[in-house]
Amino acid sequence: MSNHIENFPLGKELTLNDSSNPLTIHTTSLSLTKQNHQIIECRLTFQVTPELYHRIDTEKLFNLKPEVRAPMSGGNFLPSGDIQIETTLQPDLLPQLLEKASTAEEAANYLLQLCQQPENPLTNKLLSTESWLCLSVKQQQPNGEVGYNTFWNYLNPSTINDPEATSEELSAGIVNFFQEWTQANLAEATQNATSEFLEGISSIFNELVDETFSDTEEDTTTNQSIFTAIVNFFESDQWQFVKIPETSALRLLFRGENGQWTCYAQAREEQRQFVFYSICPVKAPENKRLAITEFITRANYGMIMGNFEFDFDDGEIRYKTSIDVKEDNLSLALIKPIAYANVMTMDEYLPGIMAVIESEVEVKEAILRIEG
């Protein structure tokens, strides 16, 4: 799936709003990213003086919280020379912009026009610093480029909100950012510091992708929507999730002791069924698929709640649990064991799967290490 980027050079002053004082920046370009002829992202790039960057840094404008910043690369910023900042518009505001623009030039001109209009809380939200997520901060110096990327450059909000995004894309972004952060902070990071970092990322990720279903009410009849029930459960259990558009399914992220992976919670309304999947974060390469087939067969023998599934064509491995409630209501108490038995099983068997894929461990030995 290829993306097409339409770029429009600006070179004009743009005044943005924050909680205290207006912020005037020198814009350099605005770009729109199209996927299958549909606009999925708007980026704004601008330059600021080191003094103005100090304010942005101190006040954490453009969502520049410490926990989303990757380590500095190339040195430190100099007190002279402009600093370039690239941002992306929050996905939930993109439709508002696209009501007035279908090209990068039209989008740029619309933002400039908003600056000249009277205060309007609705339209001026596009001009709020909180509405833009910083992707990178760079400064060109005599010895090269200095700066840093942010979490959103590794896992772009447009990817998070894309229902066709694969589990590999989501996992890779998080893992790459965390690895860079860990390598730079390992010498000084304590367990508490790492825990605070993960909590910060989790909170920010939750703010961006967690769907709000405040109008959803608990229905105690057997006609209750399966989807309503699973949304209520994952909200009350504080999971981070994304509702997949035009489906009755949620995409979730889960971190176990042995890894992190994508999960899917699916409602089959007509059949009155709830299905939960854990998608293994790695696919089996062709030369390991026979071995993984044996591993899955051995692992499934004796399974009570759920089973592993293996797509021999593309190497995807997943664990499935489900429940049928044709004559009953899908309560939170019924959902919980389906979800947690699933992720606990994937977490338990993941080291064995990785051992078979990445080393020459015999399948039987890998199973014995898990089951004893």
Protein backbone atom coordinates (compact mmCIF):
# COMPACT_ATOMS: atom_id res chain seq x y z
CA MET A 1 0.00 0.00 0.00
CA SER A 2 1.78 3.14 -1.23
CA ASN A 3 1.35 6.69 0.01
CA HIS A 4 1.47 9.86 -2.06
CA ILE A 5 2.66 13.07 -0.40
CA GLU A 6 1.58 16.45 -1.77
CA ASN A 7 3.79 19.26 -0.50
CA PHE A 8 3.12 23.00 -0.62
CA PRO A 9 5.88 25.52 0.27
CA LEU A 10 4.59 28.24 2.57
CA GLY A 11 7.25 30.67 3.77
CA LYS A 12 4.74 32.77 5.74
CA GLU A 13 4.06 33.72 9.36
CA LEU A 14 1.34 31.77 11.16
CA THR A 15 0.02 32.61 14.61
CA LEU A 16 -1.04 29.69 16.79
CA ASN A 17 -2.80 29.72 20.14
CA ASP A 18 -1.87 28.06 23.40
CA SER A 19 -3.11 28.33 26.96
CA SER A 20 -1.12 31.50 27.65
CA ASN A 21 0.06 33.68 24.76
CA PRO A 22 -0.12 33.52 20.95
CA LEU A 23 2.82 31.83 19.25
CA THR A 24 3.99 33.17 15.88
CA ILE A 25 6.00 30.74 13.78
CA HIS A 26 7.61 30.93 10.35
CA THR A 27 6.06 28.12 8.33
CA THR A 28 8.12 26.44 5.63
CA SER A 29 5.71 23.86 4.22
CA LEU A 30 2.43 22.00 4.60
CA SER A 31 1.93 18.50 3.23
CA LEU A 32 -0.98 16.11 2.81
CA THR A 33 -0.47 12.35 2.70
CA LYS A 34 -2.85 10.37 0.52
CA GLN A 35 -3.47 6.64 0.68
CA ASN A 36 -5.70 5.07 -1.97
CA HIS A 37 -6.74 8.61 -2.99
CA GLN A 38 -7.85 9.38 0.57
CA ILE A 39 -6.10 12.03 2.69
CA ILE A 40 -4.90 10.42 5.92
CA GLU A 41 -2.47 12.98 7.36
CA CYS A 42 -1.60 16.69 7.39
CA ARG A 43 1.90 17.83 8.37
CA LEU A 44 3.07 21.36 9.13
CA THR A 45 6.78 22.21 9.17
CA PHE A 46 8.06 25.49 10.57
CA GLN A 47 11.13 27.24 11.96
CA VAL A 48 11.63 29.01 15.27
CA THR A 49 14.50 30.83 16.94
CA PRO A 50 16.34 29.10 19.82
CA GLU A 51 14.64 31.54 22.19
CA LEU A 52 11.18 30.60 20.92
CA TYR A 53 12.09 26.91 21.03
CA HIS A 54 13.02 27.38 24.69
CA ARG A 55 9.44 28.49 25.34
CA ILE A 56 8.04 25.56 23.35
CA ASP A 57 10.30 23.19 25.26
CA THR A 58 9.51 24.66 28.69
CA GLU A 59 5.74 24.82 28.16
CA LYS A 60 5.65 21.43 26.38
CA LEU A 61 3.81 22.91 23.41
CA PHE A 62 2.92 20.67 20.45
CA ASN A 63 2.58 17.80 22.96
CA LEU A 64 6.36 17.77 23.56
CA LYS A 65 6.19 15.91 26.86
CA PRO A 66 9.47 14.41 28.11
CA GLU A 67 8.22 10.82 27.84
CA VAL A 68 7.59 11.07 24.09
CA ARG A 69 11.05 12.38 23.18
CA ALA A 70 13.73 10.12 21.80
CA PRO A 71 17.34 10.93 22.82
CA MET A 72 19.21 13.86 21.25
CA SER A 73 21.39 12.92 18.30
CA GLY A 74 24.52 14.74 17.15
CA GLY A 75 25.06 16.98 20.17
CA ASN A 76 23.16 19.94 21.62
CA PHE A 77 21.31 22.86 20.07
CA LEU A 78 23.37 26.00 19.49
CA PRO A 79 22.14 29.38 20.81
CA SER A 80 22.10 30.69 17.23
CA GLY A 81 20.50 29.31 14.10
CA ASP A 82 16.85 28.46 13.49
CA ILE A 83 15.37 25.19 14.74
CA GLN A 84 13.02 23.26 12.46
CA ILE A 85 9.97 21.51 13.92
CA GLU A 86 7.77 19.07 12.02
CA THR A 87 4.26 18.40 13.35
CA THR A 88 1.22 16.35 12.38
CA LEU A 89 -2.41 17.33 12.90
CA GLN A 90 -4.37 15.25 15.41
CA PRO A 91 -6.37 12.71 13.34
CA ASP A 92 -9.73 13.67 14.84
CA LEU A 93 -9.30 17.23 13.49
CA LEU A 94 -8.40 16.20 9.95
CA PRO A 95 -12.05 15.98 8.76
CA GLN A 96 -12.58 19.57 9.94
CA LEU A 97 -9.68 20.76 7.79
CA LEU A 98 -10.76 18.69 4.80
CA GLU A 99 -14.20 20.29 4.83
CA LYS A 100 -12.46 23.42 3.51
CA ALA A 101 -9.54 21.97 1.57
CA SER A 102 -8.74 19.09 -0.74
CA THR A 103 -5.17 20.05 -1.68
CA ALA A 104 -2.09 21.06 0.30
CA GLU A 105 -2.28 24.59 -1.09
CA GLU A 106 -5.94 24.97 -0.10
CA ALA A 107 -5.20 23.64 3.39
CA ALA A 108 -2.31 26.07 3.83
CA ASN A 109 -4.36 29.03 2.66
CA TYR A 110 -7.26 28.04 4.92
CA LEU A 111 -5.03 28.05 8.00
CA LEU A 112 -3.66 31.46 7.01
CA GLN A 113 -7.22 32.76 6.57
CA LEU A 114 -8.20 31.54 10.03
CA CYS A 115 -5.50 33.76 11.51
CA GLN A 116 -7.28 36.80 10.10
CA GLN A 117 -10.75 35.85 11.33
CA PRO A 118 -12.37 36.78 14.67
CA GLU A 119 -11.91 34.41 17.59
CA ASN A 120 -13.87 31.21 16.95
CA PRO A 121 -13.33 28.30 19.37
CA LEU A 122 -14.47 25.73 16.79
CA THR A 123 -12.41 26.71 13.75
CA ASN A 124 -9.50 28.06 15.77
CA LYS A 125 -8.93 24.64 17.28
CA LEU A 126 -6.95 24.00 14.11
CA LEU A 127 -4.65 26.81 15.24
CA SER A 128 -4.11 25.45 18.73
CA THR A 129 -0.66 24.10 19.56
CA GLU A 130 -2.37 21.22 21.38
CA SER A 131 -3.92 20.11 18.09
CA TRP A 132 -0.53 19.35 16.54
CA LEU A 133 1.78 16.51 17.57
CA CYS A 134 5.50 17.14 17.22
CA LEU A 135 7.29 14.55 15.07
CA SER A 136 10.84 15.90 15.10
CA VAL A 137 12.99 18.84 16.20
CA LYS A 138 16.17 19.53 14.17
CA GLN A 139 18.88 22.18 13.84
CA GLN A 140 21.39 22.36 11.00
CA GLN A 141 24.89 23.02 12.36
CA PRO A 142 28.34 23.31 10.72
CA ASN A 143 29.15 19.70 11.64
CA GLY A 144 25.80 18.29 10.61
CA GLU A 145 22.25 17.91 11.87
CA VAL A 146 21.40 17.88 15.59
CA GLY A 147 18.04 17.03 17.09
CA TYR A 148 15.59 14.34 18.10
CA ASN A 149 12.47 12.50 16.99
CA THR A 150 9.39 11.79 19.08
CA PHE A 151 7.22 8.76 19.73
CA TRP A 152 4.81 9.94 17.02
CA ASN A 153 7.55 9.73 14.40
CA TYR A 154 7.92 6.02 15.19
CA LEU A 155 4.21 5.29 15.51
CA ASN A 156 2.35 7.89 13.49
CA PRO A 157 -1.20 8.72 14.63
CA SER A 158 -2.45 8.06 11.08
CA THR A 159 -1.13 4.50 11.39
CA ILE A 160 -2.79 3.99 14.77
CA ASN A 161 -6.13 5.07 13.33
CA ASP A 162 -5.78 3.05 10.13
CA PRO A 163 -8.01 -0.05 10.41
CA GLU A 164 -5.79 -1.82 7.85
CA ALA A 165 -2.60 -1.24 9.83
CA THR A 166 -0.91 -4.55 10.61
CA SER A 167 0.16 -5.69 14.04
CA GLU A 168 3.77 -5.65 12.78
CA GLU A 169 3.53 -1.94 11.94
CA LEU A 170 2.13 -1.06 15.35
CA SER A 171 4.54 -3.24 17.29
CA ALA A 172 7.60 -2.16 15.30
CA GLY A 173 7.00 1.54 15.99
CA ILE A 174 6.67 1.04 19.73
CA VAL A 175 9.60 -1.36 19.96
CA ASN A 176 11.94 0.85 17.92
CA PHE A 177 11.19 3.92 20.01
CA PHE A 178 11.55 2.04 23.28
CA GLN A 179 14.85 0.48 22.19
CA GLU A 180 16.34 3.86 21.31
CA TRP A 181 15.13 5.37 24.57
CA THR A 182 16.46 2.44 26.60
CA GLN A 183 19.88 2.42 24.94
CA ALA A 184 20.36 6.10 25.68
CA ASN A 185 19.07 5.94 29.24
CA LEU A 186 20.22 2.49 30.35
CA ALA A 187 23.22 3.73 32.30
CA GLU A 188 21.18 6.10 34.41
CA ALA A 189 17.72 4.58 34.26
CA THR A 190 16.41 2.84 37.33
CA GLN A 191 13.48 0.47 37.42
CA ASN A 192 11.28 3.29 38.73
CA ALA A 193 12.37 5.61 35.91
CA THR A 194 11.55 2.98 33.30
CA SER A 195 8.20 2.34 34.95
CA GLU A 196 7.37 6.06 34.91
CA PHE A 197 8.34 6.21 31.24
CA LEU A 198 6.05 3.32 30.31
CA GLU A 199 3.19 4.81 32.32
CA GLY A 200 3.66 8.12 30.50
CA ILE A 201 3.62 6.48 27.07
CA SER A 202 0.59 4.42 28.02
CA SER A 203 -1.26 7.53 29.17
CA ILE A 204 -0.47 9.47 26.00
CA PHE A 205 -1.32 6.52 23.76
CA ASN A 206 -4.59 6.14 25.63
CA GLU A 207 -5.47 9.81 25.14
CA LEU A 208 -4.99 9.51 21.40
CA VAL A 209 -6.51 6.16 20.50
CA ASP A 210 -8.99 5.26 23.24
CA GLU A 211 -12.50 5.51 21.85
CA THR A 212 -15.12 7.09 24.09
CA PHE A 213 -18.45 5.36 24.25
CA SER A 214 -20.09 7.52 26.90
CA ASP A 215 -23.54 7.00 25.41
CA THR A 216 -23.30 3.22 25.70
CA GLU A 217 -25.57 1.82 28.38
CA GLU A 218 -25.54 -1.62 29.97
CA ASP A 219 -28.45 -3.69 28.70
CA THR A 220 -29.50 -6.60 30.87
CA THR A 221 -31.66 -8.28 28.25
CA THR A 222 -30.58 -11.10 25.98
CA ASN A 223 -30.85 -8.63 23.08
CA GLN A 224 -27.89 -6.64 24.35
CA SER A 225 -25.35 -5.89 21.64
CA ILE A 226 -22.28 -8.12 21.90
CA PHE A 227 -20.19 -5.17 20.77
CA THR A 228 -21.64 -2.96 23.51
CA ALA A 229 -20.69 -5.57 26.09
CA ILE A 230 -17.08 -5.91 24.94
CA VAL A 231 -16.62 -2.12 24.74
CA ASN A 232 -17.97 -1.79 28.28
CA PHE A 233 -15.59 -4.47 29.52
CA PHE A 234 -12.40 -3.09 27.98
CA GLU A 235 -13.29 0.44 29.08
CA SER A 236 -13.95 -0.65 32.66
CA ASP A 237 -10.80 -2.80 32.68
CA GLN A 238 -8.75 0.16 31.35
CA TRP A 239 -7.40 -1.42 28.19
CA GLN A 240 -6.22 0.88 25.39
CA PHE A 241 -8.11 0.16 22.18
CA VAL A 242 -9.14 1.47 18.78
CA LYS A 243 -12.55 0.82 17.28
CA ILE A 244 -12.10 -0.49 13.74
CA PRO A 245 -14.42 1.57 11.50
CA GLU A 246 -17.39 -0.14 9.86
CA THR A 247 -16.88 -3.32 11.89
CA SER A 248 -17.89 -4.69 15.26
CA ALA A 249 -14.30 -5.17 16.36
CA LEU A 250 -11.65 -3.52 18.52
CA ARG A 251 -7.88 -3.51 18.11
CA LEU A 252 -5.89 -3.58 21.36
CA LEU A 253 -2.28 -3.70 22.52
CA PHE A 254 -1.14 -6.02 25.30
CA ARG A 255 2.24 -6.24 27.01
CA GLY A 256 3.06 -9.49 28.80
CA GLU A 257 6.18 -10.67 30.60
CA ASN A 258 7.64 -12.10 27.39
CA GLY A 259 6.64 -9.55 24.77
CA GLN A 260 4.05 -7.20 23.34
CA TRP A 261 1.50 -7.91 20.64
CA THR A 262 -1.76 -6.82 19.01
CA CYS A 263 -5.11 -8.29 20.00
CA TYR A 264 -8.51 -8.18 18.33
CA ALA A 265 -11.89 -8.39 20.07
CA GLN A 266 -14.65 -9.26 17.62
CA ALA A 267 -18.43 -9.29 18.09
CA ARG A 268 -20.42 -11.68 15.88
CA GLU A 269 -23.85 -10.22 16.53
CA GLU A 270 -25.96 -12.55 14.41
CA GLN A 271 -24.37 -15.65 15.94
CA ARG A 272 -24.30 -14.06 19.43
CA GLN A 273 -20.59 -14.86 19.75
CA PHE A 274 -17.54 -13.06 21.14
CA VAL A 275 -14.11 -13.94 19.70
CA PHE A 276 -10.75 -12.75 21.02
CA TYR A 277 -7.42 -13.10 19.20
CA SER A 278 -3.79 -12.58 20.22
CA ILE A 279 -1.59 -12.07 17.15
CA CYS A 280 1.97 -13.31 17.58
CA PRO A 281 4.34 -10.34 17.06
CA VAL A 282 6.47 -12.30 14.57
CA LYS A 283 5.54 -14.42 11.57
CA ALA A 284 7.12 -17.77 10.85
CA PRO A 285 9.48 -17.66 7.85
CA GLU A 286 8.95 -20.26 5.15
CA ASN A 287 11.82 -22.47 6.32
CA LYS A 288 10.30 -22.68 9.81
CA ARG A 289 6.63 -23.24 8.95
CA LEU A 290 6.71 -27.02 9.19
CA ALA A 291 8.37 -26.75 12.60
CA ILE A 292 5.79 -24.19 13.76
CA THR A 293 3.00 -26.45 12.50
CA GLU A 294 4.35 -29.20 14.74
CA PHE A 295 4.71 -26.75 17.63
CA ILE A 296 1.09 -25.58 17.24
CA THR A 297 -0.17 -29.17 17.06
CA ARG A 298 1.70 -30.16 20.21
CA ALA A 299 0.65 -26.99 22.05
CA ASN A 300 -3.03 -27.39 21.15
CA TYR A 301 -3.23 -30.95 22.47
CA GLY A 302 -4.96 -30.74 25.82
CA MET A 303 -5.92 -27.06 25.52
CA ILE A 304 -9.20 -26.39 27.33
CA MET A 305 -9.90 -22.71 26.65
CA GLY A 306 -9.01 -21.79 23.11
CA ASN A 307 -6.43 -22.91 20.58
CA PHE A 308 -3.54 -21.72 18.45
CA GLU A 309 -4.14 -21.10 14.74
CA PHE A 310 -1.50 -20.93 12.03
CA ASP A 311 -1.74 -19.48 8.52
CA PHE A 312 0.65 -21.64 6.55
CA ASP A 313 0.56 -19.22 3.59
CA ASP A 314 1.85 -16.08 5.32
CA GLY A 315 3.23 -17.45 8.60
CA GLU A 316 0.84 -15.64 10.96
CA ILE A 317 0.36 -17.28 14.36
CA ARG A 318 -2.55 -16.38 16.62
CA TYR A 319 -4.35 -17.65 19.69
CA LYS A 320 -8.15 -17.69 19.73
CA THR A 321 -10.67 -17.87 22.54
CA SER A 322 -14.43 -17.46 22.11
CA ILE A 323 -17.81 -17.86 23.73
CA ASP A 324 -21.36 -18.43 22.44
CA VAL A 325 -24.17 -16.70 24.37
CA LYS A 326 -27.24 -17.41 22.24
CA GLU A 327 -29.47 -17.94 25.26
CA ASP A 328 -27.73 -15.60 27.68
CA ASN A 329 -26.39 -12.10 28.17
CA LEU A 330 -22.66 -11.49 27.57
CA SER A 331 -21.66 -10.18 30.99
CA LEU A 332 -18.34 -8.68 32.03
CA ALA A 333 -17.73 -11.78 34.13
CA LEU A 334 -17.95 -13.95 31.01
CA ILE A 335 -15.68 -11.72 28.93
CA LYS A 336 -12.84 -11.49 31.45
CA PRO A 337 -11.67 -15.14 31.37
CA ILE A 338 -11.94 -15.21 27.57
CA ALA A 339 -9.60 -12.22 27.24
CA TYR A 340 -7.16 -13.00 30.04
CA ALA A 341 -6.85 -16.74 29.38
CA ASN A 342 -5.99 -15.76 25.82
CA VAL A 343 -3.20 -13.28 26.53
CA MET A 344 -1.76 -15.40 29.33
CA THR A 345 -1.50 -18.38 26.99
CA MET A 346 0.19 -16.35 24.26
CA ASP A 347 2.62 -14.94 26.82
CA GLU A 348 3.39 -18.43 28.14
CA TYR A 349 4.07 -19.98 24.73
CA LEU A 350 5.71 -16.97 23.04
CA PRO A 351 9.27 -17.86 24.20
CA GLY A 352 8.85 -21.33 22.69
CA ILE A 353 7.61 -19.92 19.40
CA MET A 354 10.55 -17.53 19.27
CA ALA A 355 13.00 -20.32 20.11
CA VAL A 356 11.74 -22.45 17.22
CA ILE A 357 11.81 -19.53 14.76
CA GLU A 358 15.10 -17.94 15.77
CA SER A 359 17.24 -20.93 16.76
CA GLU A 360 17.72 -24.62 16.11
CA VAL A 361 15.80 -25.75 19.19
CA GLU A 362 13.82 -28.92 18.56
CA VAL A 363 10.06 -28.44 18.72
CA LYS A 364 9.60 -31.14 21.34
CA GLU A 365 12.27 -29.51 23.51
CA ALA A 366 10.63 -26.08 23.14
CA ILE A 367 7.29 -27.51 24.30
CA LEU A 368 8.90 -29.33 27.23
CA ARG A 369 10.47 -26.08 28.42
CA ILE A 370 6.98 -24.62 28.67
CA GLU A 371 4.82 -27.52 29.79
CA GLY A 372 7.45 -29.52 31.69
